[in-house]
Amino acid sequence: MAEKVIGNKENKKIESQKAEQRKLETKKIDHKKIEKRKKNIRFFKDLKNELKRVTWLSWPKLVKNTLTVIAACLIIGMIIWIFDAAIGKLISWSLLR
């Protein structure tokens, strides 16, 4: 009976040590989460401040630049299409010969 009492005390001591270790691990994890959250918040605050400093285009200038890019893409696409068709015809002509 005395052995059971001693064993119970040792078991309780071991269990309390394990509980303490779990609490410390939980605190470490919580601390990491808090730090990560703080970093994310800081990032978005910095992003907001940086975007305030950006010089944005006026609406007419934005439309003009957008149309210029679309036109350039269409012209380059047509040039590639013409070369592709010409090379395709050349290859098919050479294979049929």
Protein backbone atom coordinates (compact mmCIF):
# COMPACT_ATOMS: atom_id res chain seq x y z
CA MET A 1 0.00 0.00 0.00
CA ALA A 2 2.87 2.35 0.80
CA GLU A 3 4.33 1.65 -2.65
CA LYS A 4 1.06 2.72 -4.29
CA VAL A 5 1.07 6.00 -2.37
CA ILE A 6 4.67 6.69 -3.40
CA GLY A 7 3.86 5.63 -6.96
CA ASN A 8 0.84 7.92 -7.04
CA LYS A 9 2.93 10.85 -5.80
CA GLU A 10 5.55 10.16 -8.46
CA ASN A 11 2.88 9.80 -11.14
CA LYS A 12 1.29 13.09 -10.09
CA LYS A 13 4.69 14.76 -10.14
CA ILE A 14 5.43 13.40 -13.62
CA GLU A 15 1.98 14.42 -14.85
CA SER A 16 2.40 17.93 -13.46
CA GLN A 17 5.81 18.19 -15.17
CA LYS A 18 4.26 17.09 -18.46
CA ALA A 19 1.45 19.60 -18.01
CA GLU A 20 4.00 22.36 -17.39
CA GLN A 21 5.91 21.33 -20.51
CA ARG A 22 2.70 21.41 -22.58
CA LYS A 23 1.92 24.89 -21.26
CA LEU A 24 5.38 26.11 -22.21
CA GLU A 25 5.06 24.63 -25.71
CA THR A 26 1.63 26.25 -26.09
CA LYS A 27 3.07 29.59 -25.00
CA LYS A 28 5.88 29.23 -27.56
CA ILE A 29 3.37 28.48 -30.32
CA ASP A 30 1.14 31.36 -29.24
CA HIS A 31 4.14 33.69 -29.15
CA LYS A 32 5.11 32.67 -32.70
CA LYS A 33 1.54 33.24 -33.91
CA ILE A 34 1.44 36.65 -32.28
CA GLU A 35 4.78 37.63 -33.83
CA LYS A 36 3.64 36.46 -37.25
CA ARG A 37 0.39 38.40 -36.90
CA LYS A 38 2.32 41.53 -35.88
CA LYS A 39 4.59 41.16 -38.91
CA ASN A 40 1.57 40.79 -41.21
CA ILE A 41 -0.10 43.86 -39.73
CA ARG A 42 3.13 45.85 -40.08
CA PHE A 43 3.46 44.74 -43.70
CA PHE A 44 -0.03 45.93 -44.62
CA LYS A 45 0.44 49.23 -42.78
CA ASP A 46 3.67 49.81 -44.70
CA LEU A 47 1.94 48.82 -47.92
CA LYS A 48 -0.86 51.32 -47.27
CA ASN A 49 1.65 54.10 -46.57
CA GLU A 50 3.65 53.22 -49.69
CA LEU A 51 0.55 53.28 -51.89
CA LYS A 52 -0.29 56.76 -50.58
CA ARG A 53 3.06 57.97 -51.96
CA VAL A 54 2.49 56.54 -55.44
CA THR A 55 1.83 59.04 -58.20
CA TRP A 56 -1.24 57.68 -59.94
CA LEU A 57 -2.06 58.47 -63.56
CA SER A 58 -4.99 60.66 -64.46
CA TRP A 59 -7.97 58.88 -66.01
CA PRO A 60 -7.41 60.17 -69.60
CA LYS A 61 -3.71 59.27 -69.46
CA LEU A 62 -4.59 55.80 -68.12
CA VAL A 63 -7.10 55.18 -70.94
CA LYS A 64 -4.61 56.40 -73.56
CA ASN A 65 -1.84 54.14 -72.25
CA THR A 66 -4.20 51.16 -72.02
CA LEU A 67 -5.35 51.61 -75.62
CA THR A 68 -1.72 51.93 -76.73
CA VAL A 69 -0.83 48.62 -75.07
CA ILE A 70 -3.86 46.86 -76.58
CA ALA A 71 -3.02 48.21 -80.05
CA ALA A 72 0.63 47.12 -79.73
CA CYS A 73 -0.47 43.62 -78.67
CA LEU A 74 -2.82 43.35 -81.65
CA ILE A 75 -0.16 44.51 -84.11
CA ILE A 76 2.49 42.15 -82.72
CA GLY A 77 -0.07 39.33 -82.71
CA MET A 78 -0.91 39.97 -86.36
CA ILE A 79 2.79 39.99 -87.30
CA ILE A 80 3.33 36.67 -85.54
CA TRP A 81 0.20 35.24 -87.19
CA ILE A 82 1.42 36.31 -90.66
CA PHE A 83 4.87 34.77 -90.12
CA ASP A 84 3.31 31.60 -88.72
CA ALA A 85 1.00 31.26 -91.72
CA ALA A 86 3.86 31.92 -94.15
CA ILE A 87 6.15 29.40 -92.50
CA GLY A 88 3.30 26.86 -92.36
CA LYS A 89 2.64 27.29 -96.08
CA LEU A 90 6.35 27.00 -96.81
CA ILE A 91 6.66 23.78 -94.79
CA SER A 92 3.52 22.23 -96.28
CA TRP A 93 4.70 23.17 -99.81
CA SER A 94 8.13 21.62 -99.17
CA LEU A 95 6.62 18.41 -97.77
CA LEU A 96 4.19 17.99 -100.69
CA ARG A 97 6.90 18.49 -103.27
